[in-house]
All heavy atoms as atom14 arrays in JSON, in Angstrom:
{
  "sequence": "AIPHAKSAAVLRPSLARLSLKAPIKWGNKDVKTVYLIASPDD",
  "atom14_mask": [
    [1, 1, 1, 1, 1, 0, 0, 0, 0, 0, 0, 0, 0, 0],
    [1, 1, 1, 1, 1, 1, 1, 1, 0, 0, 0, 0, 0, 0],
    [1, 1, 1, 1, 1, 1, 1, 0, 0, 0, 0, 0, 0, 0],
    [1, 1, 1, 1, 1, 1, 1, 1, 1, 1, 0, 0, 0, 0],
    [1, 1, 1, 1, 1, 0, 0, 0, 0, 0, 0, 0, 0, 0],
    [1, 1, 1, 1, 1, 1, 1, 1, 1, 0, 0, 0, 0, 0],
    [1, 1, 1, 1, 1, 1, 0, 0, 0, 0, 0, 0, 0, 0],
    [1, 1, 1, 1, 1, 0, 0, 0, 0, 0, 0, 0, 0, 0],
    [1, 1, 1, 1, 1, 0, 0, 0, 0, 0, 0, 0, 0, 0],
    [1, 1, 1, 1, 1, 1, 1, 0, 0, 0, 0, 0, 0, 0],
    [1, 1, 1, 1, 1, 1, 1, 1, 0, 0, 0, 0, 0, 0],
    [1, 1, 1, 1, 1, 1, 1, 1, 1, 1, 1, 0, 0, 0],
    [1, 1, 1, 1, 1, 1, 1, 0, 0, 0, 0, 0, 0, 0],
    [1, 1, 1, 1, 1, 1, 0, 0, 0, 0, 0, 0, 0, 0],
    [1, 1, 1, 1, 1, 1, 1, 1, 0, 0, 0, 0, 0, 0],
    [1, 1, 1, 1, 1, 0, 0, 0, 0, 0, 0, 0, 0, 0],
    [1, 1, 1, 1, 1, 1, 1, 1, 1, 1, 1, 0, 0, 0],
    [1, 1, 1, 1, 1, 1, 1, 1, 0, 0, 0, 0, 0, 0],
    [1, 1, 1, 1, 1, 1, 0, 0, 0, 0, 0, 0, 0, 0],
    [1, 1, 1, 1, 1, 1, 1, 1, 0, 0, 0, 0, 0, 0],
    [1, 1, 1, 1, 1, 1, 1, 1, 1, 0, 0, 0, 0, 0],
    [1, 1, 1, 1, 1, 0, 0, 0, 0, 0, 0, 0, 0, 0],
    [1, 1, 1, 1, 1, 1, 1, 0, 0, 0, 0, 0, 0, 0],
    [1, 1, 1, 1, 1, 1, 1, 1, 0, 0, 0, 0, 0, 0],
    [1, 1, 1, 1, 1, 1, 1, 1, 1, 0, 0, 0, 0, 0],
    [1, 1, 1, 1, 1, 1, 1, 1, 1, 1, 1, 1, 1, 1],
    [1, 1, 1, 1, 0, 0, 0, 0, 0, 0, 0, 0, 0, 0],
    [1, 1, 1, 1, 1, 1, 1, 1, 0, 0, 0, 0, 0, 0],
    [1, 1, 1, 1, 1, 1, 1, 1, 1, 0, 0, 0, 0, 0],
    [1, 1, 1, 1, 1, 1, 1, 1, 0, 0, 0, 0, 0, 0],
    [1, 1, 1, 1, 1, 1, 1, 0, 0, 0, 0, 0, 0, 0],
    [1, 1, 1, 1, 1, 1, 1, 1, 1, 0, 0, 0, 0, 0],
    [1, 1, 1, 1, 1, 1, 1, 0, 0, 0, 0, 0, 0, 0],
    [1, 1, 1, 1, 1, 1, 1, 0, 0, 0, 0, 0, 0, 0],
    [1, 1, 1, 1, 1, 1, 1, 1, 1, 1, 1, 1, 0, 0],
    [1, 1, 1, 1, 1, 1, 1, 1, 0, 0, 0, 0, 0, 0],
    [1, 1, 1, 1, 1, 1, 1, 1, 0, 0, 0, 0, 0, 0],
    [1, 1, 1, 1, 1, 0, 0, 0, 0, 0, 0, 0, 0, 0],
    [1, 1, 1, 1, 1, 1, 0, 0, 0, 0, 0, 0, 0, 0],
    [1, 1, 1, 1, 1, 1, 1, 0, 0, 0, 0, 0, 0, 0],
    [1, 1, 1, 1, 1, 1, 1, 1, 0, 0, 0, 0, 0, 0],
    [1, 1, 1, 1, 1, 1, 1, 1, 0, 0, 0, 0, 0, 0]
  ],
  "atom14_positions": [
    [[90.54, 17.02, 146.3], [89.52, 15.99, 146.17], [88.2, 16.55, 146.7], [88.2, 17.3, 147.68], [89.9, 14.73, 146.93], [0.0, 0.0, 0.0], [0.0, 0.0, 0.0], [0.0, 0.0, 0.0], [0.0, 0.0, 0.0], [0.0, 0.0, 0.0], [0.0, 0.0, 0.0], [0.0, 0.0, 0.0], [0.0, 0.0, 0.0], [0.0, 0.0, 0.0]],
    [[87.11, 16.18, 146.05], [85.8, 16.66, 146.46], [84.83, 15.48, 146.58], [83.93, 15.3, 145.77], [85.24, 17.73, 145.49], [86.27, 18.83, 145.24], [83.95, 18.34, 146.05], [85.85, 19.86, 144.19], [0.0, 0.0, 0.0], [0.0, 0.0, 0.0], [0.0, 0.0, 0.0], [0.0, 0.0, 0.0], [0.0, 0.0, 0.0], [0.0, 0.0, 0.0]],
    [[85.04, 14.65, 147.61], [84.09, 13.56, 147.81], [82.72, 14.13, 148.18], [82.62, 15.2, 148.78], [84.7, 12.76, 148.96], [85.58, 13.71, 149.67], [86.07, 14.68, 148.64], [0.0, 0.0, 0.0], [0.0, 0.0, 0.0], [0.0, 0.0, 0.0], [0.0, 0.0, 0.0], [0.0, 0.0, 0.0], [0.0, 0.0, 0.0], [0.0, 0.0, 0.0]],
    [[81.69, 13.4, 147.78], [80.33, 13.86, 148.03], [79.37, 12.69, 147.92], [79.71, 11.65, 147.35], [79.93, 14.95, 147.03], [80.1, 14.53, 145.6], [81.32, 14.58, 144.96], [79.23, 14.02, 144.72], [81.18, 14.14, 143.72], [79.92, 13.78, 143.55], [0.0, 0.0, 0.0], [0.0, 0.0, 0.0], [0.0, 0.0, 0.0], [0.0, 0.0, 0.0]],
    [[78.19, 12.89, 148.45], [77.15, 11.89, 148.31], [75.8, 12.52, 148.58], [75.67, 13.36, 149.47], [77.37, 10.72, 149.26], [0.0, 0.0, 0.0], [0.0, 0.0, 0.0], [0.0, 0.0, 0.0], [0.0, 0.0, 0.0], [0.0, 0.0, 0.0], [0.0, 0.0, 0.0], [0.0, 0.0, 0.0], [0.0, 0.0, 0.0], [0.0, 0.0, 0.0]],
    [[74.84, 12.1, 147.81], [73.44, 12.4, 148.12], [73.03, 11.32, 149.1], [73.18, 10.13, 148.82], [72.6, 12.36, 146.85], [71.15, 12.64, 147.07], [70.39, 12.68, 145.77], [70.15, 11.28, 145.28], [69.22, 11.22, 144.15], [0.0, 0.0, 0.0], [0.0, 0.0, 0.0], [0.0, 0.0, 0.0], [0.0, 0.0, 0.0], [0.0, 0.0, 0.0]],
    [[72.54, 11.72, 150.26], [72.29, 10.74, 151.3], [71.11, 11.13, 152.18], [70.95, 12.3, 152.54], [73.54, 10.61, 152.18], [73.33, 9.76, 153.27], [0.0, 0.0, 0.0], [0.0, 0.0, 0.0], [0.0, 0.0, 0.0], [0.0, 0.0, 0.0], [0.0, 0.0, 0.0], [0.0, 0.0, 0.0], [0.0, 0.0, 0.0], [0.0, 0.0, 0.0]],
    [[70.32, 10.13, 152.55], [69.22, 10.35, 153.49], [69.75, 10.68, 154.89], [69.0, 11.17, 155.73], [68.34, 9.1, 153.54], [0.0, 0.0, 0.0], [0.0, 0.0, 0.0], [0.0, 0.0, 0.0], [0.0, 0.0, 0.0], [0.0, 0.0, 0.0], [0.0, 0.0, 0.0], [0.0, 0.0, 0.0], [0.0, 0.0, 0.0], [0.0, 0.0, 0.0]],
    [[71.02, 10.43, 155.14], [71.63, 10.73, 156.44], [71.93, 12.22, 156.61], [72.25, 12.66, 157.71], [72.91, 9.92, 156.61], [0.0, 0.0, 0.0], [0.0, 0.0, 0.0], [0.0, 0.0, 0.0], [0.0, 0.0, 0.0], [0.0, 0.0, 0.0], [0.0, 0.0, 0.0], [0.0, 0.0, 0.0], [0.0, 0.0, 0.0], [0.0, 0.0, 0.0]],
    [[71.83, 12.99, 155.55], [72.16, 14.42, 155.6], [70.95, 15.21, 156.07], [69.85, 15.11, 155.5], [72.63, 14.93, 154.22], [72.86, 16.43, 154.25], [73.9, 14.2, 153.79], [0.0, 0.0, 0.0], [0.0, 0.0, 0.0], [0.0, 0.0, 0.0], [0.0, 0.0, 0.0], [0.0, 0.0, 0.0], [0.0, 0.0, 0.0], [0.0, 0.0, 0.0]],
    [[71.14, 16.02, 157.1], [70.08, 16.87, 157.64], [70.0, 18.2, 156.92], [68.92, 18.77, 156.77], [70.31, 17.09, 159.14], [70.25, 15.84, 160.0], [70.69, 16.15, 161.43], [68.86, 15.24, 159.98], [0.0, 0.0, 0.0], [0.0, 0.0, 0.0], [0.0, 0.0, 0.0], [0.0, 0.0, 0.0], [0.0, 0.0, 0.0], [0.0, 0.0, 0.0]],
    [[71.16, 18.73, 156.53], [71.18, 20.0, 155.79], [72.4, 20.02, 154.87], [73.46, 19.5, 155.22], [71.18, 21.19, 156.73], [72.39, 21.29, 157.61], [72.34, 22.57, 158.45], [73.43, 22.55, 159.39], [73.31, 22.72, 160.69], [72.13, 22.94, 161.21], [74.36, 22.7, 161.47], [0.0, 0.0, 0.0], [0.0, 0.0, 0.0], [0.0, 0.0, 0.0]],
    [[72.25, 20.62, 153.7], [73.37, 20.7, 152.76], [74.52, 21.45, 153.42], [74.32, 22.47, 154.09], [72.81, 21.5, 151.6], [71.33, 21.44, 151.74], [71.05, 21.27, 153.2], [0.0, 0.0, 0.0], [0.0, 0.0, 0.0], [0.0, 0.0, 0.0], [0.0, 0.0, 0.0], [0.0, 0.0, 0.0], [0.0, 0.0, 0.0], [0.0, 0.0, 0.0]],
    [[75.72, 20.92, 153.24], [76.87, 21.53, 153.9], [78.18, 21.1, 153.25], [78.22, 20.17, 152.46], [76.87, 21.18, 155.39], [76.69, 19.78, 155.56], [0.0, 0.0, 0.0], [0.0, 0.0, 0.0], [0.0, 0.0, 0.0], [0.0, 0.0, 0.0], [0.0, 0.0, 0.0], [0.0, 0.0, 0.0], [0.0, 0.0, 0.0], [0.0, 0.0, 0.0]],
    [[79.23, 21.82, 153.62], [80.56, 21.6, 153.08], [81.57, 21.63, 154.22], [81.52, 22.53, 155.06], [80.9, 22.7, 152.06], [82.29, 22.71, 151.46], [82.47, 21.54, 150.5], [82.51, 24.02, 150.7], [0.0, 0.0, 0.0], [0.0, 0.0, 0.0], [0.0, 0.0, 0.0], [0.0, 0.0, 0.0], [0.0, 0.0, 0.0], [0.0, 0.0, 0.0]],
    [[82.47, 20.65, 154.24], [83.57, 20.65, 155.22], [84.88, 20.61, 154.44], [84.96, 19.96, 153.38], [83.47, 19.45, 156.16], [0.0, 0.0, 0.0], [0.0, 0.0, 0.0], [0.0, 0.0, 0.0], [0.0, 0.0, 0.0], [0.0, 0.0, 0.0], [0.0, 0.0, 0.0], [0.0, 0.0, 0.0], [0.0, 0.0, 0.0], [0.0, 0.0, 0.0]],
    [[85.89, 21.29, 154.96], [87.19, 21.38, 154.28], [88.3, 20.94, 155.21], [88.32, 21.3, 156.38], [87.44, 22.82, 153.86], [88.8, 23.05, 153.27], [88.94, 24.52, 152.88], [90.27, 24.8, 152.43], [91.14, 25.56, 153.09], [90.8, 26.12, 154.22], [92.34, 25.76, 152.61], [0.0, 0.0, 0.0], [0.0, 0.0, 0.0], [0.0, 0.0, 0.0]],
    [[89.24, 20.19, 154.66], [90.41, 19.74, 155.41], [91.66, 20.02, 154.59], [91.77, 19.57, 153.45], [90.3, 18.24, 155.7], [91.46, 17.59, 156.47], [91.57, 18.17, 157.88], [91.27, 16.08, 156.53], [0.0, 0.0, 0.0], [0.0, 0.0, 0.0], [0.0, 0.0, 0.0], [0.0, 0.0, 0.0], [0.0, 0.0, 0.0], [0.0, 0.0, 0.0]],
    [[92.58, 20.78, 155.16], [93.87, 21.04, 154.53], [94.91, 20.17, 155.23], [94.98, 20.16, 156.46], [94.26, 22.52, 154.66], [93.37, 23.31, 153.93], [0.0, 0.0, 0.0], [0.0, 0.0, 0.0], [0.0, 0.0, 0.0], [0.0, 0.0, 0.0], [0.0, 0.0, 0.0], [0.0, 0.0, 0.0], [0.0, 0.0, 0.0], [0.0, 0.0, 0.0]],
    [[95.71, 19.49, 154.45], [96.7, 18.56, 154.99], [98.11, 19.13, 154.87], [98.41, 19.85, 153.92], [96.61, 17.24, 154.22], [95.22, 16.6, 154.22], [95.1, 15.58, 153.1], [94.95, 15.98, 155.56], [0.0, 0.0, 0.0], [0.0, 0.0, 0.0], [0.0, 0.0, 0.0], [0.0, 0.0, 0.0], [0.0, 0.0, 0.0], [0.0, 0.0, 0.0]],
    [[98.96, 18.79, 155.82], [100.35, 19.26, 155.78], [101.13, 18.56, 154.68], [102.0, 19.14, 154.06], [101.02, 19.04, 157.13], [100.5, 19.94, 158.21], [101.21, 19.72, 159.51], [100.63, 20.62, 160.59], [101.28, 20.45, 161.88], [0.0, 0.0, 0.0], [0.0, 0.0, 0.0], [0.0, 0.0, 0.0], [0.0, 0.0, 0.0], [0.0, 0.0, 0.0]],
    [[100.82, 17.3, 154.48], [101.51, 16.51, 153.45], [100.45, 15.85, 152.57], [99.36, 15.5, 153.05], [102.39, 15.44, 154.1], [0.0, 0.0, 0.0], [0.0, 0.0, 0.0], [0.0, 0.0, 0.0], [0.0, 0.0, 0.0], [0.0, 0.0, 0.0], [0.0, 0.0, 0.0], [0.0, 0.0, 0.0], [0.0, 0.0, 0.0], [0.0, 0.0, 0.0]],
    [[100.74, 15.66, 151.3], [99.77, 15.02, 150.41], [99.47, 13.58, 150.8], [100.32, 12.9, 151.37], [100.45, 15.05, 149.05], [101.65, 15.89, 149.17], [101.97, 16.02, 150.62], [0.0, 0.0, 0.0], [0.0, 0.0, 0.0], [0.0, 0.0, 0.0], [0.0, 0.0, 0.0], [0.0, 0.0, 0.0], [0.0, 0.0, 0.0], [0.0, 0.0, 0.0]],
    [[98.24, 13.16, 150.5], [97.83, 11.77, 150.68], [97.31, 11.26, 149.34], [96.93, 12.05, 148.47], [96.75, 11.6, 151.76], [95.48, 12.4, 151.39], [97.27, 11.99, 153.13], [94.27, 12.1, 152.26], [0.0, 0.0, 0.0], [0.0, 0.0, 0.0], [0.0, 0.0, 0.0], [0.0, 0.0, 0.0], [0.0, 0.0, 0.0], [0.0, 0.0, 0.0]],
    [[97.3, 9.96, 149.18], [96.73, 9.36, 147.97], [95.21, 9.36, 148.08], [94.64, 8.93, 149.09], [97.2, 7.92, 147.79], [98.57, 7.79, 147.19], [98.55, 8.23, 145.75], [99.94, 8.02, 145.14], [100.09, 8.77, 143.91], [0.0, 0.0, 0.0], [0.0, 0.0, 0.0], [0.0, 0.0, 0.0], [0.0, 0.0, 0.0], [0.0, 0.0, 0.0]],
    [[94.56, 9.88, 147.08], [93.11, 9.83, 146.98], [92.85, 9.29, 145.58], [93.1, 9.97, 144.6], [92.5, 11.22, 147.14], [91.04, 11.17, 147.45], [90.01, 10.94, 146.57], [90.43, 11.32, 148.73], [88.83, 10.95, 147.23], [89.05, 11.18, 148.56], [90.94, 11.58, 150.01], [88.15, 11.29, 149.62], [90.05, 11.67, 151.05], [88.67, 11.54, 150.86]],
    [[92.4, 8.07, 145.53], [92.33, 7.42, 144.22], [93.75, 7.25, 143.72], [94.61, 6.73, 144.43], [0.0, 0.0, 0.0], [0.0, 0.0, 0.0], [0.0, 0.0, 0.0], [0.0, 0.0, 0.0], [0.0, 0.0, 0.0], [0.0, 0.0, 0.0], [0.0, 0.0, 0.0], [0.0, 0.0, 0.0], [0.0, 0.0, 0.0], [0.0, 0.0, 0.0]],
    [[94.02, 7.75, 142.54], [95.38, 7.65, 142.0], [96.11, 8.98, 141.97], [97.11, 9.14, 141.27], [95.33, 7.04, 140.59], [94.57, 7.92, 139.61], [93.91, 8.88, 140.01], [94.65, 7.6, 138.34], [0.0, 0.0, 0.0], [0.0, 0.0, 0.0], [0.0, 0.0, 0.0], [0.0, 0.0, 0.0], [0.0, 0.0, 0.0], [0.0, 0.0, 0.0]],
    [[95.62, 9.94, 142.73], [96.24, 11.28, 142.76], [96.65, 11.65, 144.17], [96.1, 11.16, 145.14], [95.27, 12.32, 142.2], [94.91, 12.03, 140.76], [94.12, 13.15, 140.16], [93.77, 12.74, 138.74], [93.53, 13.83, 137.87], [0.0, 0.0, 0.0], [0.0, 0.0, 0.0], [0.0, 0.0, 0.0], [0.0, 0.0, 0.0], [0.0, 0.0, 0.0]],
    [[97.62, 12.55, 144.26], [98.03, 13.11, 145.54], [97.2, 14.36, 145.8], [97.09, 15.23, 144.92], [99.52, 13.48, 145.52], [100.41, 12.27, 145.46], [100.02, 11.21, 145.98], [101.52, 12.37, 144.9], [0.0, 0.0, 0.0], [0.0, 0.0, 0.0], [0.0, 0.0, 0.0], [0.0, 0.0, 0.0], [0.0, 0.0, 0.0], [0.0, 0.0, 0.0]],
    [[96.63, 14.45, 146.99], [95.83, 15.63, 147.34], [96.29, 16.21, 148.68], [96.78, 15.49, 149.54], [94.31, 15.31, 147.39], [93.83, 14.8, 146.06], [93.98, 14.35, 148.49], [0.0, 0.0, 0.0], [0.0, 0.0, 0.0], [0.0, 0.0, 0.0], [0.0, 0.0, 0.0], [0.0, 0.0, 0.0], [0.0, 0.0, 0.0], [0.0, 0.0, 0.0]],
    [[96.13, 17.52, 148.8], [96.44, 18.21, 150.06], [95.22, 18.91, 150.64], [95.25, 19.36, 151.78], [97.57, 19.23, 149.85], [98.94, 18.58, 149.78], [100.03, 19.61, 149.81], [100.15, 20.21, 151.19], [101.29, 21.09, 151.37], [0.0, 0.0, 0.0], [0.0, 0.0, 0.0], [0.0, 0.0, 0.0], [0.0, 0.0, 0.0], [0.0, 0.0, 0.0]],
    [[94.17, 19.04, 149.85], [92.94, 19.67, 150.31], [91.77, 18.79, 149.92], [91.66, 18.37, 148.77], [92.75, 21.08, 149.71], [93.91, 21.87, 149.98], [91.52, 21.76, 150.29], [0.0, 0.0, 0.0], [0.0, 0.0, 0.0], [0.0, 0.0, 0.0], [0.0, 0.0, 0.0], [0.0, 0.0, 0.0], [0.0, 0.0, 0.0], [0.0, 0.0, 0.0]],
    [[90.9, 18.52, 150.9], [89.73, 17.68, 150.66], [88.49, 18.44, 151.12], [88.45, 18.96, 152.24], [89.83, 16.33, 151.41], [88.64, 15.44, 151.07], [91.15, 15.62, 151.1], [0.0, 0.0, 0.0], [0.0, 0.0, 0.0], [0.0, 0.0, 0.0], [0.0, 0.0, 0.0], [0.0, 0.0, 0.0], [0.0, 0.0, 0.0], [0.0, 0.0, 0.0]],
    [[87.52, 18.53, 150.25], [86.23, 19.13, 150.56], [85.2, 18.01, 150.56], [85.09, 17.29, 149.57], [85.83, 20.16, 149.49], [86.74, 21.35, 149.38], [87.82, 21.34, 148.52], [86.5, 22.49, 150.13], [88.66, 22.44, 148.4], [87.32, 23.6, 150.02], [88.4, 23.58, 149.16], [89.22, 24.66, 149.04], [0.0, 0.0, 0.0], [0.0, 0.0, 0.0]],
    [[84.43, 17.87, 151.62], [83.38, 16.85, 151.68], [82.02, 17.54, 151.62], [81.66, 18.3, 152.53], [83.49, 16.01, 152.95], [82.41, 14.95, 153.16], [82.34, 13.96, 152.0], [82.64, 14.21, 154.48], [0.0, 0.0, 0.0], [0.0, 0.0, 0.0], [0.0, 0.0, 0.0], [0.0, 0.0, 0.0], [0.0, 0.0, 0.0], [0.0, 0.0, 0.0]],
    [[81.29, 17.27, 150.54], [79.96, 17.84, 150.36], [78.92, 16.85, 150.89], [78.9, 15.69, 150.49], [79.67, 18.14, 148.88], [80.65, 19.18, 148.34], [78.22, 18.61, 148.7], [80.53, 19.43, 146.84], [0.0, 0.0, 0.0], [0.0, 0.0, 0.0], [0.0, 0.0, 0.0], [0.0, 0.0, 0.0], [0.0, 0.0, 0.0], [0.0, 0.0, 0.0]],
    [[78.06, 17.34, 151.77], [76.94, 16.56, 152.29], [75.66, 17.13, 151.68], [75.42, 18.33, 151.79], [76.89, 16.63, 153.81], [0.0, 0.0, 0.0], [0.0, 0.0, 0.0], [0.0, 0.0, 0.0], [0.0, 0.0, 0.0], [0.0, 0.0, 0.0], [0.0, 0.0, 0.0], [0.0, 0.0, 0.0], [0.0, 0.0, 0.0], [0.0, 0.0, 0.0]],
    [[74.9, 16.27, 151.05], [73.7, 16.76, 150.37], [72.55, 15.77, 150.51], [72.74, 14.57, 150.32], [74.0, 16.97, 148.89], [72.85, 17.34, 148.19], [0.0, 0.0, 0.0], [0.0, 0.0, 0.0], [0.0, 0.0, 0.0], [0.0, 0.0, 0.0], [0.0, 0.0, 0.0], [0.0, 0.0, 0.0], [0.0, 0.0, 0.0], [0.0, 0.0, 0.0]],
    [[71.36, 16.28, 150.82], [70.2, 15.39, 150.87], [69.58, 15.15, 149.49], [68.76, 14.28, 149.32], [69.22, 16.13, 151.79], [69.55, 17.56, 151.57], [71.03, 17.61, 151.31], [0.0, 0.0, 0.0], [0.0, 0.0, 0.0], [0.0, 0.0, 0.0], [0.0, 0.0, 0.0], [0.0, 0.0, 0.0], [0.0, 0.0, 0.0], [0.0, 0.0, 0.0]],
    [[69.99, 15.97, 148.5], [69.41, 15.85, 147.16], [70.37, 16.38, 146.11], [71.38, 16.99, 146.43], [68.07, 16.6, 147.08], [68.21, 18.06, 147.48], [69.14, 18.75, 146.99], [67.4, 18.53, 148.29], [0.0, 0.0, 0.0], [0.0, 0.0, 0.0], [0.0, 0.0, 0.0], [0.0, 0.0, 0.0], [0.0, 0.0, 0.0], [0.0, 0.0, 0.0]],
    [[70.03, 16.15, 144.85], [70.9, 16.59, 143.76], [71.0, 18.1, 143.64], [72.03, 18.64, 143.31], [70.42, 16.01, 142.42], [70.71, 14.53, 142.31], [71.67, 14.06, 142.95], [69.99, 13.85, 141.57], [0.0, 0.0, 0.0], [0.0, 0.0, 0.0], [0.0, 0.0, 0.0], [0.0, 0.0, 0.0], [0.0, 0.0, 0.0], [0.0, 0.0, 0.0]]
  ]
}
């Protein structure tokens, strides 16, 4: 899963990654790795 948002709360563009031991439901899919993109602009 790659959640993201363009947000005024973001100070600098960045990426965080989380690897899970067991899958979780994200929407209607099972995921084991989640990347969160923080972006101040498109």
